[in-house]
Amino acid sequence: MAKLTEAEVGEGLRALPGWTREGEAIVKGYTFKTFAEGIRFVDRVAVAADRADHHPDIDIRWTTVRMALSTHSAGGLTRKDFDLASQIERLTAP
């Protein structure tokens, strides 16, 4: 999978409110009312990630879950990252 151009990355970020770029990754933090609610969210993301065969880096801190996406095999951001980020956005409902 080919790396996206800077223009394509910018366009992708404009379509994903709250996601930002950090180096060669896109990231977003989510806050939940309880730890268990955040873990249920991570479980839903895990199923979607397995289906996509593309897995985010996930950091869990009590009620905050941080997702980071990058296509390591391509050395940066690809369409796969933005596709999975869009799926993650749809999974935020408890």
C-alpha atoms as a PDB file:
ATOM      1  CA  MET A   1       0.000   0.000   0.000  1.00  0.00           C
ATOM      2  CA  ALA A   2       1.379   3.386  -1.024  1.00  0.00           C
ATOM      3  CA  LYS A   3       2.012   6.235   1.389  1.00  0.00           C
ATOM      4  CA  LEU A   4      -0.372   9.160   1.091  1.00  0.00           C
ATOM      5  CA  THR A   5       0.780  12.574  -0.061  1.00  0.00           C
ATOM      6  CA  GLU A   6       0.705  15.499   2.357  1.00  0.00           C
ATOM      7  CA  ALA A   7      -2.406  16.818   0.586  1.00  0.00           C
ATOM      8  CA  GLU A   8      -4.149  13.448   0.952  1.00  0.00           C
ATOM      9  CA  VAL A   9      -3.249  13.295   4.646  1.00  0.00           C
ATOM     10  CA  GLY A  10      -4.660  16.790   5.164  1.00  0.00           C
ATOM     11  CA  GLU A  11      -7.853  15.856   3.347  1.00  0.00           C
ATOM     12  CA  GLY A  12      -8.193  12.695   5.424  1.00  0.00           C
ATOM     13  CA  LEU A  13      -7.741  14.598   8.690  1.00  0.00           C
ATOM     14  CA  ARG A  14     -10.367  17.162   7.715  1.00  0.00           C
ATOM     15  CA  ALA A  15     -12.850  14.283   7.421  1.00  0.00           C
ATOM     16  CA  LEU A  16     -11.979  12.960  10.909  1.00  0.00           C
ATOM     17  CA  PRO A  17     -12.787  15.509  13.646  1.00  0.00           C
ATOM     18  CA  GLY A  18     -10.465  15.288  16.615  1.00  0.00           C
ATOM     19  CA  TRP A  19      -7.792  13.230  14.864  1.00  0.00           C
ATOM     20  CA  THR A  20      -4.381  14.869  14.545  1.00  0.00           C
ATOM     21  CA  ARG A  21      -1.077  13.994  12.990  1.00  0.00           C
ATOM     22  CA  GLU A  22       1.917  13.085  15.104  1.00  0.00           C
ATOM     23  CA  GLY A  23       4.867  12.349  12.865  1.00  0.00           C
ATOM     24  CA  GLU A  24       3.981   9.358  10.692  1.00  0.00           C
ATOM     25  CA  ALA A  25       0.776   8.534  12.623  1.00  0.00           C
ATOM     26  CA  ILE A  26      -2.720   9.871  13.139  1.00  0.00           C
ATOM     27  CA  VAL A  27      -3.958   9.891  16.733  1.00  0.00           C
ATOM     28  CA  LYS A  28      -7.035  10.567  18.810  1.00  0.00           C
ATOM     29  CA  GLY A  29      -7.923  10.244  22.477  1.00  0.00           C
ATOM     30  CA  TYR A  30     -11.342   9.163  23.716  1.00  0.00           C
ATOM     31  CA  THR A  31     -12.646   9.679  27.254  1.00  0.00           C
ATOM     32  CA  PHE A  32     -15.296   7.450  28.812  1.00  0.00           C
ATOM     33  CA  LYS A  33     -17.326   7.641  32.021  1.00  0.00           C
ATOM     34  CA  THR A  34     -15.844   4.421  33.377  1.00  0.00           C
ATOM     35  CA  PHE A  35     -12.840   2.211  32.829  1.00  0.00           C
ATOM     36  CA  ALA A  36     -15.119  -0.668  31.783  1.00  0.00           C
ATOM     37  CA  GLU A  37     -16.802   1.490  29.122  1.00  0.00           C
ATOM     38  CA  GLY A  38     -13.380   2.291  27.641  1.00  0.00           C
ATOM     39  CA  ILE A  39     -12.454  -1.394  27.610  1.00  0.00           C
ATOM     40  CA  ARG A  40     -15.698  -2.279  25.814  1.00  0.00           C
ATOM     41  CA  PHE A  41     -14.768   0.345  23.199  1.00  0.00           C
ATOM     42  CA  VAL A  42     -11.316  -1.234  22.812  1.00  0.00           C
ATOM     43  CA  ASP A  43     -12.973  -4.638  22.349  1.00  0.00           C
ATOM     44  CA  ARG A  44     -15.104  -3.247  19.503  1.00  0.00           C
ATOM     45  CA  VAL A  45     -12.026  -1.662  17.908  1.00  0.00           C
ATOM     46  CA  ALA A  46     -10.156  -4.979  18.186  1.00  0.00           C
ATOM     47  CA  VAL A  47     -12.847  -6.770  16.165  1.00  0.00           C
ATOM     48  CA  ALA A  48     -12.807  -4.073  13.457  1.00  0.00           C
ATOM     49  CA  ALA A  49      -8.991  -4.071  13.383  1.00  0.00           C
ATOM     50  CA  ASP A  50      -8.844  -7.835  12.944  1.00  0.00           C
ATOM     51  CA  ARG A  51     -11.363  -7.648  10.086  1.00  0.00           C
ATOM     52  CA  ALA A  52      -9.271  -4.939   8.412  1.00  0.00           C
ATOM     53  CA  ASP A  53      -5.996  -6.757   9.193  1.00  0.00           C
ATOM     54  CA  HIS A  54      -4.709  -3.384  10.372  1.00  0.00           C
ATOM     55  CA  HIS A  55      -4.095  -2.733  14.062  1.00  0.00           C
ATOM     56  CA  PRO A  56      -3.806   0.536  15.984  1.00  0.00           C
ATOM     57  CA  ASP A  57      -1.441   1.214  18.831  1.00  0.00           C
ATOM     58  CA  ILE A  58      -3.747   1.533  21.832  1.00  0.00           C
ATOM     59  CA  ASP A  59      -2.904   3.241  25.123  1.00  0.00           C
ATOM     60  CA  ILE A  60      -5.398   2.799  27.971  1.00  0.00           C
ATOM     61  CA  ARG A  61      -5.196   5.151  30.973  1.00  0.00           C
ATOM     62  CA  TRP A  62      -8.127   4.698  33.352  1.00  0.00           C
ATOM     63  CA  THR A  63     -11.024   6.325  31.439  1.00  0.00           C
ATOM     64  CA  THR A  64      -8.961   7.569  28.491  1.00  0.00           C
ATOM     65  CA  VAL A  65      -8.127   5.485  25.435  1.00  0.00           C
ATOM     66  CA  ARG A  66      -5.664   6.802  22.856  1.00  0.00           C
ATOM     67  CA  MET A  67      -5.569   5.353  19.348  1.00  0.00           C
ATOM     68  CA  ALA A  68      -2.600   5.779  17.006  1.00  0.00           C
ATOM     69  CA  LEU A  69      -2.587   4.549  13.421  1.00  0.00           C
ATOM     70  CA  SER A  70       0.289   4.190  10.982  1.00  0.00           C
ATOM     71  CA  THR A  71       1.122   1.660   8.285  1.00  0.00           C
ATOM     72  CA  HIS A  72       4.539   0.547   9.473  1.00  0.00           C
ATOM     73  CA  SER A  73       5.167  -1.617   6.395  1.00  0.00           C
ATOM     74  CA  ALA A  74       4.746   1.476   4.190  1.00  0.00           C
ATOM     75  CA  GLY A  75       6.747   3.744   6.477  1.00  0.00           C
ATOM     76  CA  GLY A  76       3.907   6.175   7.116  1.00  0.00           C
ATOM     77  CA  LEU A  77       0.269   6.926   6.519  1.00  0.00           C
ATOM     78  CA  THR A  78      -1.835   5.058   3.971  1.00  0.00           C
ATOM     79  CA  ARG A  79      -5.512   4.774   3.087  1.00  0.00           C
ATOM     80  CA  LYS A  80      -5.734   1.850   5.562  1.00  0.00           C
ATOM     81  CA  ASP A  81      -5.098   4.240   8.463  1.00  0.00           C
ATOM     82  CA  PHE A  82      -7.876   6.597   7.483  1.00  0.00           C
ATOM     83  CA  ASP A  83     -10.295   3.764   6.703  1.00  0.00           C
ATOM     84  CA  LEU A  84      -9.761   2.222  10.147  1.00  0.00           C
ATOM     85  CA  ALA A  85      -9.965   5.632  11.853  1.00  0.00           C
ATOM     86  CA  SER A  86     -13.376   6.125  10.199  1.00  0.00           C
ATOM     87  CA  GLN A  87     -14.495   2.744  11.503  1.00  0.00           C
ATOM     88  CA  ILE A  88     -13.237   3.604  14.990  1.00  0.00           C
ATOM     89  CA  GLU A  89     -15.275   6.804  14.919  1.00  0.00           C
ATOM     90  CA  ARG A  90     -18.429   4.770  14.290  1.00  0.00           C
ATOM     91  CA  LEU A  91     -17.628   2.529  17.278  1.00  0.00           C
ATOM     92  CA  THR A  92     -17.593   5.239  19.966  1.00  0.00           C
ATOM     93  CA  ALA A  93     -21.177   4.612  21.098  1.00  0.00           C
ATOM     94  CA  PRO A  94     -21.212   2.480  24.273  1.00  0.00           C
END
